[in-house]
N, C-alpha and C. Protein backbone atom coordinates (compact mmCIF):
# COMPACT_ATOMS: atom_id res chain seq x y z
N MET A 1 47.56 -14.65 -13.31
CA MET A 1 46.63 -14.21 -14.33
C MET A 1 45.27 -14.87 -14.16
N ARG A 2 45.28 -16.17 -13.83
CA ARG A 2 44.00 -16.87 -13.70
C ARG A 2 43.22 -16.43 -12.45
N PHE A 3 43.85 -15.71 -11.54
CA PHE A 3 43.17 -15.20 -10.35
C PHE A 3 42.52 -13.83 -10.60
N LEU A 4 42.88 -13.18 -11.68
CA LEU A 4 42.34 -11.85 -11.96
C LEU A 4 40.86 -11.88 -12.31
N LEU A 5 40.41 -12.88 -13.06
CA LEU A 5 38.99 -12.95 -13.44
C LEU A 5 38.10 -13.11 -12.20
N PRO A 6 38.35 -14.08 -11.33
CA PRO A 6 37.50 -14.18 -10.12
C PRO A 6 37.60 -12.93 -9.24
N LEU A 7 38.78 -12.35 -9.15
CA LEU A 7 38.97 -11.15 -8.35
C LEU A 7 38.17 -9.98 -8.96
N GLY A 8 38.16 -9.87 -10.29
CA GLY A 8 37.40 -8.83 -10.97
C GLY A 8 35.91 -9.00 -10.76
N ILE A 9 35.42 -10.26 -10.87
CA ILE A 9 34.00 -10.54 -10.65
C ILE A 9 33.62 -10.21 -9.21
N PHE A 10 34.47 -10.57 -8.27
CA PHE A 10 34.22 -10.27 -6.87
C PHE A 10 34.14 -8.76 -6.65
N GLY A 11 35.04 -8.00 -7.28
CA GLY A 11 35.04 -6.54 -7.16
C GLY A 11 33.75 -5.92 -7.69
N ILE A 12 33.27 -6.45 -8.82
CA ILE A 12 32.02 -5.95 -9.40
C ILE A 12 30.86 -6.23 -8.47
N LEU A 13 30.82 -7.43 -7.89
CA LEU A 13 29.74 -7.78 -6.96
C LEU A 13 29.76 -6.89 -5.72
N VAL A 14 30.94 -6.61 -5.20
CA VAL A 14 31.06 -5.73 -4.04
C VAL A 14 30.56 -4.33 -4.38
N ALA A 15 30.91 -3.83 -5.57
CA ALA A 15 30.47 -2.50 -5.99
C ALA A 15 28.95 -2.45 -6.12
N LEU A 16 28.35 -3.48 -6.71
CA LEU A 16 26.88 -3.53 -6.85
C LEU A 16 26.20 -3.59 -5.49
N LEU A 17 26.76 -4.37 -4.57
CA LEU A 17 26.20 -4.45 -3.22
C LEU A 17 26.28 -3.08 -2.53
N ALA A 18 27.41 -2.40 -2.68
CA ALA A 18 27.58 -1.09 -2.05
C ALA A 18 26.57 -0.09 -2.61
N ILE A 19 26.33 -0.12 -3.91
CA ILE A 19 25.34 0.77 -4.52
C ILE A 19 23.95 0.44 -3.99
N GLY A 20 23.63 -0.85 -3.92
CA GLY A 20 22.33 -1.29 -3.43
C GLY A 20 22.07 -0.86 -1.99
N LEU A 21 23.10 -0.88 -1.17
CA LEU A 21 22.94 -0.50 0.23
C LEU A 21 22.71 0.99 0.42
N THR A 22 23.07 1.80 -0.56
CA THR A 22 22.85 3.23 -0.44
C THR A 22 21.46 3.65 -0.92
N MET A 23 20.72 2.75 -1.54
CA MET A 23 19.40 3.09 -2.08
C MET A 23 18.33 3.04 -0.98
N ASP A 24 17.34 3.91 -1.11
CA ASP A 24 16.23 3.97 -0.17
C ASP A 24 15.15 2.99 -0.61
N PRO A 25 14.82 1.96 0.22
CA PRO A 25 13.83 0.98 -0.20
C PRO A 25 12.44 1.58 -0.39
N LYS A 26 12.18 2.76 0.19
CA LYS A 26 10.89 3.41 0.00
C LYS A 26 10.77 4.04 -1.38
N LYS A 27 11.87 4.12 -2.11
CA LYS A 27 11.87 4.73 -3.43
C LYS A 27 11.87 3.69 -4.54
N VAL A 28 11.62 2.44 -4.21
CA VAL A 28 11.58 1.39 -5.23
C VAL A 28 10.39 1.67 -6.14
N PRO A 29 10.65 1.90 -7.43
CA PRO A 29 9.52 2.22 -8.32
C PRO A 29 8.63 0.99 -8.53
N SER A 30 7.34 1.22 -8.55
CA SER A 30 6.41 0.14 -8.79
C SER A 30 6.16 0.01 -10.28
N PRO A 31 6.25 -1.20 -10.83
CA PRO A 31 5.94 -1.38 -12.24
C PRO A 31 4.45 -1.19 -12.54
N LEU A 32 3.63 -1.07 -11.50
CA LEU A 32 2.19 -0.91 -11.70
C LEU A 32 1.74 0.55 -11.87
N ILE A 33 2.64 1.51 -11.61
CA ILE A 33 2.28 2.92 -11.76
C ILE A 33 1.89 3.17 -13.21
N GLY A 34 0.71 3.78 -13.38
CA GLY A 34 0.22 4.08 -14.73
C GLY A 34 -0.48 2.91 -15.41
N LYS A 35 -0.60 1.82 -14.69
CA LYS A 35 -1.27 0.63 -15.24
C LYS A 35 -2.58 0.39 -14.48
N PRO A 36 -3.51 -0.36 -15.09
CA PRO A 36 -4.76 -0.66 -14.39
C PRO A 36 -4.51 -1.40 -13.08
N ALA A 37 -5.26 -1.00 -12.05
CA ALA A 37 -5.16 -1.68 -10.76
C ALA A 37 -5.57 -3.14 -10.93
N PRO A 38 -4.81 -4.07 -10.37
CA PRO A 38 -5.19 -5.48 -10.47
C PRO A 38 -6.58 -5.73 -9.90
N GLU A 39 -7.34 -6.51 -10.62
CA GLU A 39 -8.71 -6.84 -10.19
C GLU A 39 -8.68 -7.89 -9.09
N PHE A 40 -9.66 -7.81 -8.23
CA PHE A 40 -9.87 -8.82 -7.20
C PHE A 40 -11.30 -8.69 -6.71
N THR A 41 -11.77 -9.71 -6.06
CA THR A 41 -13.04 -9.67 -5.35
C THR A 41 -12.79 -10.35 -4.01
N LEU A 42 -12.96 -9.58 -2.95
CA LEU A 42 -12.69 -10.09 -1.60
C LEU A 42 -13.86 -9.79 -0.68
N PRO A 43 -14.00 -10.61 0.37
CA PRO A 43 -15.04 -10.31 1.36
C PRO A 43 -14.67 -9.05 2.16
N MET A 44 -15.71 -8.35 2.60
CA MET A 44 -15.51 -7.17 3.44
C MET A 44 -15.28 -7.61 4.88
N LEU A 45 -14.46 -6.87 5.57
CA LEU A 45 -14.09 -7.21 6.94
C LEU A 45 -15.29 -7.22 7.88
N HIS A 46 -16.17 -6.24 7.76
CA HIS A 46 -17.28 -6.13 8.71
C HIS A 46 -18.54 -6.86 8.28
N ASN A 47 -18.53 -7.39 7.07
CA ASN A 47 -19.67 -8.18 6.59
C ASN A 47 -19.14 -9.10 5.49
N GLN A 48 -18.67 -10.28 5.89
CA GLN A 48 -17.98 -11.14 4.94
C GLN A 48 -18.91 -11.75 3.89
N ALA A 49 -20.22 -11.57 4.05
CA ALA A 49 -21.15 -12.01 3.02
C ALA A 49 -21.11 -11.04 1.83
N ARG A 50 -20.69 -9.80 2.08
CA ARG A 50 -20.57 -8.80 1.00
C ARG A 50 -19.16 -8.81 0.46
N LYS A 51 -19.03 -8.52 -0.83
CA LYS A 51 -17.73 -8.53 -1.50
C LYS A 51 -17.38 -7.14 -2.00
N PHE A 52 -16.08 -6.89 -2.17
CA PHE A 52 -15.60 -5.65 -2.74
C PHE A 52 -14.66 -5.96 -3.89
N SER A 53 -14.77 -5.14 -4.93
CA SER A 53 -13.87 -5.21 -6.08
C SER A 53 -13.50 -3.78 -6.46
N PRO A 54 -12.27 -3.54 -6.93
CA PRO A 54 -11.91 -2.19 -7.37
C PRO A 54 -12.87 -1.62 -8.41
N GLU A 55 -13.50 -2.48 -9.17
CA GLU A 55 -14.48 -2.05 -10.18
C GLU A 55 -15.63 -1.28 -9.52
N ASP A 56 -15.91 -1.56 -8.24
CA ASP A 56 -16.98 -0.87 -7.52
C ASP A 56 -16.73 0.63 -7.41
N LEU A 57 -15.46 1.05 -7.51
CA LEU A 57 -15.13 2.47 -7.36
C LEU A 57 -14.66 3.09 -8.68
N ARG A 58 -14.89 2.41 -9.79
CA ARG A 58 -14.53 2.96 -11.11
C ARG A 58 -15.23 4.30 -11.27
N GLY A 59 -14.50 5.28 -11.77
CA GLY A 59 -15.05 6.63 -11.93
C GLY A 59 -14.78 7.53 -10.74
N GLU A 60 -14.15 6.98 -9.70
CA GLU A 60 -13.80 7.77 -8.51
C GLU A 60 -12.30 7.66 -8.26
N VAL A 61 -11.73 8.71 -7.69
CA VAL A 61 -10.36 8.63 -7.18
C VAL A 61 -10.47 8.04 -5.78
N TRP A 62 -9.63 7.05 -5.48
CA TRP A 62 -9.68 6.42 -4.17
C TRP A 62 -8.30 5.96 -3.74
N VAL A 63 -8.19 5.61 -2.47
CA VAL A 63 -6.93 5.18 -1.88
C VAL A 63 -7.09 3.76 -1.35
N LEU A 64 -6.10 2.92 -1.63
CA LEU A 64 -6.04 1.59 -1.04
C LEU A 64 -4.90 1.60 -0.02
N ASN A 65 -5.25 1.35 1.24
CA ASN A 65 -4.26 1.30 2.31
C ASN A 65 -4.16 -0.13 2.81
N VAL A 66 -2.98 -0.73 2.64
CA VAL A 66 -2.75 -2.11 3.06
C VAL A 66 -2.26 -2.06 4.50
N TRP A 67 -2.96 -2.77 5.39
CA TRP A 67 -2.68 -2.72 6.82
C TRP A 67 -2.93 -4.09 7.44
N ALA A 68 -2.57 -4.24 8.70
CA ALA A 68 -2.86 -5.47 9.45
C ALA A 68 -2.80 -5.16 10.95
N SER A 69 -3.54 -5.91 11.71
CA SER A 69 -3.57 -5.69 13.16
C SER A 69 -2.22 -6.03 13.81
N TRP A 70 -1.45 -6.90 13.19
CA TRP A 70 -0.16 -7.31 13.74
C TRP A 70 0.97 -6.36 13.35
N CYS A 71 0.67 -5.35 12.56
CA CYS A 71 1.68 -4.43 12.01
C CYS A 71 1.91 -3.25 12.94
N VAL A 72 3.11 -3.17 13.51
CA VAL A 72 3.43 -2.08 14.43
C VAL A 72 3.45 -0.74 13.70
N SER A 73 4.00 -0.69 12.49
CA SER A 73 4.06 0.56 11.72
C SER A 73 2.67 1.06 11.34
N CYS A 74 1.72 0.13 11.22
CA CYS A 74 0.35 0.53 10.89
C CYS A 74 -0.25 1.38 12.01
N ARG A 75 0.15 1.12 13.24
CA ARG A 75 -0.34 1.92 14.36
C ARG A 75 0.18 3.35 14.25
N ALA A 76 1.46 3.47 13.89
CA ALA A 76 2.06 4.80 13.75
C ALA A 76 1.39 5.56 12.60
N GLU A 77 1.03 4.87 11.54
CA GLU A 77 0.42 5.49 10.37
C GLU A 77 -1.06 5.80 10.57
N HIS A 78 -1.72 5.10 11.44
CA HIS A 78 -3.18 5.14 11.55
C HIS A 78 -3.72 6.55 11.79
N LYS A 79 -3.04 7.33 12.59
CA LYS A 79 -3.48 8.69 12.88
C LYS A 79 -3.47 9.54 11.59
N VAL A 80 -2.48 9.33 10.74
CA VAL A 80 -2.36 10.09 9.50
C VAL A 80 -3.42 9.64 8.49
N ILE A 81 -3.68 8.35 8.40
CA ILE A 81 -4.72 7.84 7.51
C ILE A 81 -6.09 8.36 7.98
N THR A 82 -6.27 8.45 9.28
CA THR A 82 -7.51 9.01 9.83
C THR A 82 -7.65 10.48 9.44
N GLN A 83 -6.54 11.22 9.48
CA GLN A 83 -6.56 12.63 9.05
C GLN A 83 -7.01 12.73 7.60
N LEU A 84 -6.47 11.87 6.74
CA LEU A 84 -6.85 11.88 5.33
C LEU A 84 -8.34 11.59 5.19
N ALA A 85 -8.82 10.61 5.92
CA ALA A 85 -10.25 10.26 5.85
C ALA A 85 -11.11 11.44 6.28
N GLU A 86 -10.68 12.18 7.30
CA GLU A 86 -11.45 13.30 7.81
C GLU A 86 -11.54 14.46 6.83
N THR A 87 -10.63 14.52 5.85
CA THR A 87 -10.71 15.59 4.84
C THR A 87 -11.90 15.37 3.92
N GLY A 88 -12.34 14.11 3.77
CA GLY A 88 -13.44 13.80 2.88
C GLY A 88 -13.09 13.88 1.41
N LEU A 89 -11.80 14.00 1.09
CA LEU A 89 -11.38 14.10 -0.31
C LEU A 89 -11.71 12.85 -1.12
N VAL A 90 -11.39 11.69 -0.54
CA VAL A 90 -11.54 10.43 -1.25
C VAL A 90 -11.99 9.33 -0.30
N LYS A 91 -12.48 8.26 -0.88
CA LYS A 91 -12.77 7.06 -0.10
C LYS A 91 -11.46 6.31 0.10
N ILE A 92 -11.28 5.84 1.32
CA ILE A 92 -10.10 5.04 1.63
C ILE A 92 -10.57 3.61 1.88
N VAL A 93 -10.03 2.71 1.10
CA VAL A 93 -10.34 1.29 1.25
C VAL A 93 -9.17 0.64 1.97
N GLY A 94 -9.45 -0.08 3.03
CA GLY A 94 -8.42 -0.81 3.73
C GLY A 94 -8.32 -2.22 3.16
N LEU A 95 -7.11 -2.73 3.09
CA LEU A 95 -6.88 -4.12 2.71
C LEU A 95 -6.21 -4.78 3.91
N ASP A 96 -7.00 -5.52 4.68
CA ASP A 96 -6.50 -6.20 5.87
C ASP A 96 -5.71 -7.41 5.39
N TYR A 97 -4.39 -7.31 5.49
CA TYR A 97 -3.44 -8.20 4.83
C TYR A 97 -2.95 -9.32 5.75
N LYS A 98 -3.20 -10.55 5.34
CA LYS A 98 -2.72 -11.74 6.08
C LYS A 98 -3.04 -11.63 7.57
N ASP A 99 -4.29 -11.38 7.86
CA ASP A 99 -4.71 -11.09 9.22
C ASP A 99 -5.99 -11.85 9.52
N ASP A 100 -6.15 -12.29 10.72
CA ASP A 100 -7.40 -12.90 11.14
C ASP A 100 -8.47 -11.81 11.17
N PRO A 101 -9.59 -11.99 10.47
CA PRO A 101 -10.61 -10.94 10.43
C PRO A 101 -11.08 -10.47 11.81
N SER A 102 -11.19 -11.36 12.77
CA SER A 102 -11.63 -10.92 14.10
C SER A 102 -10.58 -10.01 14.75
N ASP A 103 -9.29 -10.28 14.49
CA ASP A 103 -8.24 -9.39 15.00
C ASP A 103 -8.31 -8.03 14.31
N GLY A 104 -8.57 -8.03 13.01
CA GLY A 104 -8.69 -6.78 12.27
C GLY A 104 -9.86 -5.93 12.78
N ARG A 105 -11.00 -6.56 12.99
CA ARG A 105 -12.16 -5.82 13.50
C ARG A 105 -11.88 -5.26 14.90
N ARG A 106 -11.26 -6.08 15.74
CA ARG A 106 -10.94 -5.63 17.10
C ARG A 106 -9.96 -4.45 17.06
N TRP A 107 -8.99 -4.50 16.15
CA TRP A 107 -7.99 -3.43 16.02
C TRP A 107 -8.67 -2.12 15.61
N LEU A 108 -9.59 -2.20 14.64
CA LEU A 108 -10.31 -1.00 14.20
C LEU A 108 -11.24 -0.48 15.29
N ASP A 109 -11.85 -1.38 16.06
CA ASP A 109 -12.68 -0.95 17.19
C ASP A 109 -11.84 -0.19 18.21
N GLN A 110 -10.61 -0.65 18.42
CA GLN A 110 -9.74 -0.03 19.41
C GLN A 110 -9.18 1.31 18.95
N PHE A 111 -8.72 1.38 17.69
CA PHE A 111 -8.01 2.57 17.21
C PHE A 111 -8.85 3.50 16.34
N GLY A 112 -10.04 3.06 15.96
CA GLY A 112 -10.89 3.87 15.09
C GLY A 112 -10.83 3.35 13.66
N ASN A 113 -11.92 3.56 12.94
CA ASN A 113 -12.02 3.03 11.59
C ASN A 113 -12.13 4.17 10.57
N PRO A 114 -11.00 4.50 9.92
CA PRO A 114 -11.03 5.59 8.94
C PRO A 114 -11.47 5.13 7.54
N TYR A 115 -11.75 3.84 7.39
CA TYR A 115 -11.97 3.27 6.06
C TYR A 115 -13.43 3.34 5.62
N TYR A 116 -13.60 3.61 4.34
CA TYR A 116 -14.90 3.49 3.69
C TYR A 116 -15.36 2.05 3.84
N LEU A 117 -14.42 1.14 3.64
CA LEU A 117 -14.61 -0.29 3.89
C LEU A 117 -13.24 -0.93 3.96
N SER A 118 -13.17 -2.12 4.54
CA SER A 118 -11.94 -2.92 4.51
C SER A 118 -12.28 -4.27 3.91
N ALA A 119 -11.39 -4.72 3.04
CA ALA A 119 -11.51 -6.05 2.46
C ALA A 119 -10.48 -6.95 3.13
N VAL A 120 -10.76 -8.24 3.15
CA VAL A 120 -9.90 -9.20 3.84
C VAL A 120 -9.08 -9.99 2.82
N ASP A 121 -7.76 -9.82 2.88
CA ASP A 121 -6.82 -10.57 2.04
C ASP A 121 -6.13 -11.59 2.92
N LEU A 122 -6.88 -12.61 3.28
CA LEU A 122 -6.42 -13.59 4.26
C LEU A 122 -5.13 -14.29 3.86
N ASP A 123 -5.02 -14.72 2.61
CA ASP A 123 -3.83 -15.46 2.19
C ASP A 123 -2.76 -14.58 1.53
N GLY A 124 -3.04 -13.30 1.35
CA GLY A 124 -2.05 -12.38 0.82
C GLY A 124 -1.91 -12.38 -0.70
N ARG A 125 -2.73 -13.11 -1.40
CA ARG A 125 -2.58 -13.18 -2.87
C ARG A 125 -2.87 -11.86 -3.56
N VAL A 126 -3.87 -11.13 -3.08
CA VAL A 126 -4.17 -9.83 -3.68
C VAL A 126 -3.00 -8.88 -3.45
N GLY A 127 -2.45 -8.90 -2.25
CA GLY A 127 -1.28 -8.08 -1.96
C GLY A 127 -0.14 -8.38 -2.92
N ILE A 128 0.08 -9.64 -3.20
CA ILE A 128 1.14 -10.03 -4.15
C ILE A 128 0.83 -9.45 -5.53
N ASP A 129 -0.42 -9.56 -5.97
CA ASP A 129 -0.81 -9.02 -7.29
C ASP A 129 -0.58 -7.51 -7.36
N TRP A 130 -0.75 -6.82 -6.24
CA TRP A 130 -0.55 -5.38 -6.20
C TRP A 130 0.92 -4.99 -5.95
N GLY A 131 1.79 -5.98 -5.79
CA GLY A 131 3.21 -5.69 -5.58
C GLY A 131 3.55 -5.24 -4.18
N VAL A 132 2.77 -5.69 -3.20
CA VAL A 132 3.01 -5.30 -1.81
C VAL A 132 4.26 -6.01 -1.29
N TYR A 133 5.19 -5.21 -0.76
CA TYR A 133 6.41 -5.75 -0.17
C TYR A 133 6.21 -6.05 1.31
N GLY A 134 5.36 -5.28 1.94
CA GLY A 134 5.09 -5.42 3.37
C GLY A 134 4.06 -4.37 3.75
N VAL A 135 3.61 -4.40 4.97
CA VAL A 135 2.62 -3.43 5.39
C VAL A 135 3.26 -2.41 6.31
N PRO A 136 2.78 -1.19 6.31
CA PRO A 136 1.72 -0.66 5.46
C PRO A 136 2.26 -0.20 4.11
N GLU A 137 1.38 -0.20 3.14
CA GLU A 137 1.62 0.39 1.83
C GLU A 137 0.33 1.06 1.40
N THR A 138 0.46 2.14 0.64
CA THR A 138 -0.70 2.93 0.25
C THR A 138 -0.63 3.24 -1.24
N PHE A 139 -1.76 3.05 -1.91
CA PHE A 139 -1.86 3.28 -3.35
C PHE A 139 -2.94 4.33 -3.62
N ILE A 140 -2.71 5.17 -4.63
CA ILE A 140 -3.73 6.10 -5.09
C ILE A 140 -4.18 5.62 -6.47
N ILE A 141 -5.48 5.46 -6.63
CA ILE A 141 -6.06 4.96 -7.87
C ILE A 141 -6.92 6.07 -8.47
N ASP A 142 -6.75 6.31 -9.78
CA ASP A 142 -7.50 7.38 -10.43
C ASP A 142 -8.87 6.93 -10.92
N LYS A 143 -9.60 7.85 -11.55
CA LYS A 143 -10.97 7.57 -12.00
C LYS A 143 -11.05 6.48 -13.06
N GLN A 144 -9.97 6.29 -13.79
CA GLN A 144 -9.94 5.25 -14.83
C GLN A 144 -9.51 3.90 -14.27
N GLY A 145 -9.24 3.85 -12.97
CA GLY A 145 -8.84 2.60 -12.34
C GLY A 145 -7.36 2.29 -12.47
N GLN A 146 -6.55 3.33 -12.74
CA GLN A 146 -5.10 3.14 -12.84
C GLN A 146 -4.42 3.55 -11.55
N ILE A 147 -3.38 2.80 -11.21
CA ILE A 147 -2.57 3.14 -10.04
C ILE A 147 -1.70 4.34 -10.41
N ARG A 148 -1.80 5.40 -9.64
CA ARG A 148 -1.04 6.62 -9.94
C ARG A 148 0.10 6.86 -8.96
N HIS A 149 0.04 6.20 -7.79
CA HIS A 149 1.10 6.42 -6.79
C HIS A 149 1.13 5.24 -5.83
N LYS A 150 2.32 4.91 -5.39
CA LYS A 150 2.49 3.89 -4.35
C LYS A 150 3.42 4.46 -3.29
N HIS A 151 2.96 4.41 -2.05
CA HIS A 151 3.78 4.84 -0.92
C HIS A 151 4.14 3.61 -0.11
N ILE A 152 5.42 3.31 -0.01
CA ILE A 152 5.89 2.16 0.75
C ILE A 152 6.20 2.60 2.17
N GLY A 153 5.69 1.83 3.14
CA GLY A 153 5.92 2.15 4.54
C GLY A 153 4.82 3.06 5.06
N PRO A 154 4.94 3.44 6.33
CA PRO A 154 3.89 4.27 6.93
C PRO A 154 3.83 5.66 6.31
N VAL A 155 2.63 6.12 6.04
CA VAL A 155 2.43 7.49 5.57
C VAL A 155 2.59 8.39 6.78
N ASP A 156 3.48 9.37 6.66
CA ASP A 156 3.64 10.34 7.74
C ASP A 156 3.02 11.67 7.32
N GLU A 157 3.02 12.62 8.22
CA GLU A 157 2.40 13.93 7.96
C GLU A 157 3.01 14.59 6.73
N GLN A 158 4.32 14.52 6.60
CA GLN A 158 5.00 15.16 5.46
C GLN A 158 4.56 14.52 4.14
N ALA A 159 4.55 13.20 4.06
CA ALA A 159 4.13 12.52 2.83
C ALA A 159 2.67 12.84 2.51
N LEU A 160 1.84 12.91 3.54
CA LEU A 160 0.43 13.22 3.33
C LEU A 160 0.27 14.61 2.70
N GLN A 161 0.95 15.60 3.28
CA GLN A 161 0.78 16.98 2.83
C GLN A 161 1.54 17.30 1.54
N GLU A 162 2.70 16.65 1.32
CA GLU A 162 3.53 17.01 0.17
C GLU A 162 3.34 16.10 -1.04
N GLU A 163 2.88 14.86 -0.84
CA GLU A 163 2.74 13.92 -1.95
C GLU A 163 1.29 13.52 -2.19
N ILE A 164 0.68 12.98 -1.16
CA ILE A 164 -0.60 12.29 -1.33
C ILE A 164 -1.75 13.26 -1.58
N VAL A 165 -1.95 14.23 -0.70
CA VAL A 165 -3.08 15.17 -0.87
C VAL A 165 -2.94 15.97 -2.17
N PRO A 166 -1.74 16.52 -2.49
CA PRO A 166 -1.64 17.26 -3.76
C PRO A 166 -1.96 16.38 -4.98
N LEU A 167 -1.51 15.14 -5.00
CA LEU A 167 -1.81 14.26 -6.12
C LEU A 167 -3.30 13.98 -6.20
N ILE A 168 -3.90 13.68 -5.07
CA ILE A 168 -5.35 13.41 -5.07
C ILE A 168 -6.10 14.62 -5.63
N LYS A 169 -5.72 15.82 -5.21
CA LYS A 169 -6.41 17.03 -5.68
C LYS A 169 -6.27 17.21 -7.19
N THR A 170 -5.14 16.83 -7.76
CA THR A 170 -4.99 16.95 -9.21
C THR A 170 -5.81 15.91 -9.96
N LEU A 171 -6.12 14.80 -9.30
CA LEU A 171 -6.86 13.73 -9.96
C LEU A 171 -8.38 13.89 -9.84
N LEU A 172 -8.82 14.71 -8.90
CA LEU A 172 -10.27 14.86 -8.68
C LEU A 172 -10.94 15.61 -9.83
């Protein structure tokens, strides 16, 4: 009888683990959806004497794309982010996450720069405030400065056409 309680607890833990393993980590809901985008002021990648804050784009729909030169998935996503930039729908702000600024600049020189601007989050604190789990991650911010969507992982063609562009168009 005294072995049934630990055995029952173990069974519950196994069941919870099994449920957790079936979940898609890209579908983790962000508690920031529908809330004001966290404020920050960071230096710009190409001119660190200048600063950027989300307040600078208040009144506009814009996209924050968290990336880094050391991120392999960011390379796969870069072509799709460039496609979005070429539509001219919105300004795309890059957040160079935990990256040496010279490496970030070199990476953009090599692969192309789709960003309206990139800010440097050298220590990753802004990423933490935004709930970034890893790079790449992409956020859509509305005219009121609220986060309306978070895409975890690389944006692919399907996500761009079925989620991101339609949402941006409804917010414009």
